[in-house]
């Protein structure tokens, strides 16, 4: 199983959504406060609404920008607190397409799609 995952969320009909055909998801929406968190974390990314790269993992990785801490199960999903924003967001059961169970922490990096890294 991968320890790092990458998706490319974008705006569709006014909502943040993402596609990941590898796990059978098309226009999967972010709701329940997670959309507002994405608004904050993409504010400095040019044209983020057309798509941005979101890298995430249950373990810390170099240059991650935010840590989501599990708070509670709610309805069929899970609520996480985004640090350092101190904002809460709900993640739907699609989370389990990436993890066997909801991780205690999720680390993430939000960056432009066109950004290229060189080592």
C-alpha atoms as a PDB file:
ATOM      1  CA  UNK A   1       0.000   0.000   0.000  1.00  0.00           C
ATOM      2  CA  UNK A   2       1.224   3.510  -0.816  1.00  0.00           C
ATOM      3  CA  UNK A   3       2.225   5.786   2.010  1.00  0.00           C
ATOM      4  CA  UNK A   4       1.837   8.944  -0.141  1.00  0.00           C
ATOM      5  CA  UNK A   5      -1.238   9.642  -2.248  1.00  0.00           C
ATOM      6  CA  UNK A   6      -1.889  12.382  -4.774  1.00  0.00           C
ATOM      7  CA  UNK A   7      -5.148  13.759  -6.173  1.00  0.00           C
ATOM      8  CA  UNK A   8      -5.988  16.881  -8.168  1.00  0.00           C
ATOM      9  CA  UNK A   9      -9.074  18.598  -6.719  1.00  0.00           C
ATOM     10  CA  UNK A  10     -10.872  21.257  -8.765  1.00  0.00           C
ATOM     11  CA  UNK A  11     -14.094  23.280  -8.646  1.00  0.00           C
ATOM     12  CA  UNK A  12     -17.205  21.839 -10.251  1.00  0.00           C
ATOM     13  CA  UNK A  13     -20.624  23.488  -9.886  1.00  0.00           C
ATOM     14  CA  UNK A  14     -19.194  25.662  -7.109  1.00  0.00           C
ATOM     15  CA  UNK A  15     -17.832  22.740  -5.074  1.00  0.00           C
ATOM     16  CA  UNK A  16     -14.365  21.278  -4.550  1.00  0.00           C
ATOM     17  CA  UNK A  17     -14.329  17.777  -6.070  1.00  0.00           C
ATOM     18  CA  UNK A  18     -11.762  15.267  -7.279  1.00  0.00           C
ATOM     19  CA  UNK A  19     -11.520  12.313  -9.609  1.00  0.00           C
ATOM     20  CA  UNK A  20      -9.504   9.184  -8.951  1.00  0.00           C
ATOM     21  CA  UNK A  21     -10.437   6.504 -11.468  1.00  0.00           C
ATOM     22  CA  UNK A  22      -7.871   4.203  -9.854  1.00  0.00           C
ATOM     23  CA  UNK A  23     -10.214   3.838  -6.847  1.00  0.00           C
ATOM     24  CA  UNK A  24     -13.512   4.431  -8.680  1.00  0.00           C
ATOM     25  CA  UNK A  25     -14.195   8.053  -7.693  1.00  0.00           C
ATOM     26  CA  UNK A  26     -15.529  10.709 -10.078  1.00  0.00           C
ATOM     27  CA  UNK A  27     -16.389  14.255  -8.955  1.00  0.00           C
ATOM     28  CA  UNK A  28     -16.225  13.178  -5.301  1.00  0.00           C
ATOM     29  CA  UNK A  29     -17.106  16.341  -3.328  1.00  0.00           C
ATOM     30  CA  UNK A  30     -15.483  17.798  -0.238  1.00  0.00           C
ATOM     31  CA  UNK A  31     -18.205  18.998   2.165  1.00  0.00           C
ATOM     32  CA  UNK A  32     -18.814  19.583   5.861  1.00  0.00           C
ATOM     33  CA  UNK A  33     -16.175  22.250   6.441  1.00  0.00           C
ATOM     34  CA  UNK A  34     -13.459  20.543   4.417  1.00  0.00           C
ATOM     35  CA  UNK A  35     -14.406  22.761   1.483  1.00  0.00           C
ATOM     36  CA  UNK A  36     -13.749  25.893   3.580  1.00  0.00           C
ATOM     37  CA  UNK A  37     -10.381  24.467   4.682  1.00  0.00           C
ATOM     38  CA  UNK A  38      -9.459  23.916   1.035  1.00  0.00           C
ATOM     39  CA  UNK A  39     -10.470  27.528   0.284  1.00  0.00           C
ATOM     40  CA  UNK A  40      -7.984  28.734   2.906  1.00  0.00           C
ATOM     41  CA  UNK A  41      -5.154  26.429   1.897  1.00  0.00           C
ATOM     42  CA  UNK A  42      -5.440  27.209  -1.819  1.00  0.00           C
ATOM     43  CA  UNK A  43      -5.843  30.982  -1.491  1.00  0.00           C
ATOM     44  CA  UNK A  44      -2.277  31.569  -2.716  1.00  0.00           C
ATOM     45  CA  UNK A  45      -2.384  28.988  -5.525  1.00  0.00           C
ATOM     46  CA  UNK A  46      -3.069  30.666  -8.887  1.00  0.00           C
ATOM     47  CA  UNK A  47      -6.099  29.212 -10.676  1.00  0.00           C
ATOM     48  CA  UNK A  48      -6.595  26.577  -7.955  1.00  0.00           C
ATOM     49  CA  UNK A  49     -10.237  26.261  -8.995  1.00  0.00           C
ATOM     50  CA  UNK A  50      -9.008  24.711 -12.269  1.00  0.00           C
ATOM     51  CA  UNK A  51      -7.048  22.136 -10.286  1.00  0.00           C
ATOM     52  CA  UNK A  52      -4.249  21.822  -7.776  1.00  0.00           C
ATOM     53  CA  UNK A  53      -2.122  18.966  -6.498  1.00  0.00           C
ATOM     54  CA  UNK A  54      -2.962  17.570  -3.057  1.00  0.00           C
ATOM     55  CA  UNK A  55      -0.418  15.152  -1.616  1.00  0.00           C
ATOM     56  CA  UNK A  56      -1.472  13.366   1.577  1.00  0.00           C
ATOM     57  CA  UNK A  57      -0.308  10.639   3.917  1.00  0.00           C
ATOM     58  CA  UNK A  58      -0.934   9.211   7.374  1.00  0.00           C
ATOM     59  CA  UNK A  59       2.745   9.841   8.191  1.00  0.00           C
ATOM     60  CA  UNK A  60       4.692  13.117   8.091  1.00  0.00           C
ATOM     61  CA  UNK A  61       6.603  13.808   4.880  1.00  0.00           C
ATOM     62  CA  UNK A  62       8.996  16.622   3.835  1.00  0.00           C
ATOM     63  CA  UNK A  63       7.360  20.005   3.283  1.00  0.00           C
ATOM     64  CA  UNK A  64       3.854  18.999   4.394  1.00  0.00           C
ATOM     65  CA  UNK A  65       1.854  22.125   5.203  1.00  0.00           C
ATOM     66  CA  UNK A  66      -0.981  20.949   7.381  1.00  0.00           C
ATOM     67  CA  UNK A  67      -1.756  18.175   9.822  1.00  0.00           C
ATOM     68  CA  UNK A  68      -5.317  16.896  10.191  1.00  0.00           C
ATOM     69  CA  UNK A  69      -6.008  15.304  13.574  1.00  0.00           C
ATOM     70  CA  UNK A  70      -8.867  12.821  13.941  1.00  0.00           C
ATOM     71  CA  UNK A  71     -11.555  14.039  16.349  1.00  0.00           C
ATOM     72  CA  UNK A  72     -14.532  11.697  15.984  1.00  0.00           C
ATOM     73  CA  UNK A  73     -16.632   9.522  13.746  1.00  0.00           C
ATOM     74  CA  UNK A  74     -19.721  11.328  12.508  1.00  0.00           C
ATOM     75  CA  UNK A  75     -22.491   9.899  10.354  1.00  0.00           C
ATOM     76  CA  UNK A  76     -20.679   7.645   7.880  1.00  0.00           C
ATOM     77  CA  UNK A  77     -17.457   9.691   7.867  1.00  0.00           C
ATOM     78  CA  UNK A  78     -14.873  11.218  10.169  1.00  0.00           C
ATOM     79  CA  UNK A  79     -14.204  14.713  11.477  1.00  0.00           C
ATOM     80  CA  UNK A  80     -10.646  16.051  11.491  1.00  0.00           C
ATOM     81  CA  UNK A  81      -9.150  19.284  12.871  1.00  0.00           C
ATOM     82  CA  UNK A  82      -6.788  21.086  10.496  1.00  0.00           C
ATOM     83  CA  UNK A  83      -3.737  22.402  12.308  1.00  0.00           C
ATOM     84  CA  UNK A  84      -2.636  25.178  12.403  1.00  0.00           C
ATOM     85  CA  UNK A  85      -5.980  26.512  11.100  1.00  0.00           C
ATOM     86  CA  UNK A  86      -7.960  25.125  14.064  1.00  0.00           C
ATOM     87  CA  UNK A  87     -10.795  24.420  11.646  1.00  0.00           C
ATOM     88  CA  UNK A  88     -12.834  21.216  11.508  1.00  0.00           C
ATOM     89  CA  UNK A  89     -13.797  19.307   8.386  1.00  0.00           C
ATOM     90  CA  UNK A  90     -15.682  16.110   7.647  1.00  0.00           C
ATOM     91  CA  UNK A  91     -14.199  13.449   5.384  1.00  0.00           C
ATOM     92  CA  UNK A  92     -16.627  11.007   3.804  1.00  0.00           C
ATOM     93  CA  UNK A  93     -16.220   7.217   3.538  1.00  0.00           C
ATOM     94  CA  UNK A  94     -14.127   7.725   0.366  1.00  0.00           C
ATOM     95  CA  UNK A  95     -11.256   8.149   2.845  1.00  0.00           C
ATOM     96  CA  UNK A  96     -11.308   4.366   3.169  1.00  0.00           C
ATOM     97  CA  UNK A  97     -10.353   4.058  -0.508  1.00  0.00           C
ATOM     98  CA  UNK A  98      -6.902   5.192   0.652  1.00  0.00           C
ATOM     99  CA  UNK A  99      -6.616   3.874   4.208  1.00  0.00           C
ATOM    100  CA  UNK A 100      -7.789   0.629   5.821  1.00  0.00           C
ATOM    101  CA  UNK A 101      -9.200   2.658   8.705  1.00  0.00           C
ATOM    102  CA  UNK A 102      -9.411   6.394   9.424  1.00  0.00           C
ATOM    103  CA  UNK A 103      -5.886   7.450  10.378  1.00  0.00           C
ATOM    104  CA  UNK A 104      -5.244   9.318  13.623  1.00  0.00           C
ATOM    105  CA  UNK A 105      -3.437  11.990  11.597  1.00  0.00           C
ATOM    106  CA  UNK A 106      -3.295  12.998   7.956  1.00  0.00           C
ATOM    107  CA  UNK A 107      -0.491  15.184   6.640  1.00  0.00           C
ATOM    108  CA  UNK A 108      -1.031  17.192   3.471  1.00  0.00           C
ATOM    109  CA  UNK A 109       0.576  19.545   0.992  1.00  0.00           C
ATOM    110  CA  UNK A 110      -1.375  21.805  -1.370  1.00  0.00           C
ATOM    111  CA  UNK A 111       0.532  23.017  -4.448  1.00  0.00           C
ATOM    112  CA  UNK A 112      -0.005  24.182  -8.017  1.00  0.00           C
ATOM    113  CA  UNK A 113      -0.369  21.452 -10.625  1.00  0.00           C
ATOM    114  CA  UNK A 114       2.350  23.022 -12.748  1.00  0.00           C
ATOM    115  CA  UNK A 115       4.909  23.071  -9.922  1.00  0.00           C
ATOM    116  CA  UNK A 116       7.946  20.970 -10.798  1.00  0.00           C
ATOM    117  CA  UNK A 117      10.416  19.753  -8.191  1.00  0.00           C
ATOM    118  CA  UNK A 118      14.049  19.098  -8.982  1.00  0.00           C
ATOM    119  CA  UNK A 119      16.519  17.394  -6.697  1.00  0.00           C
END
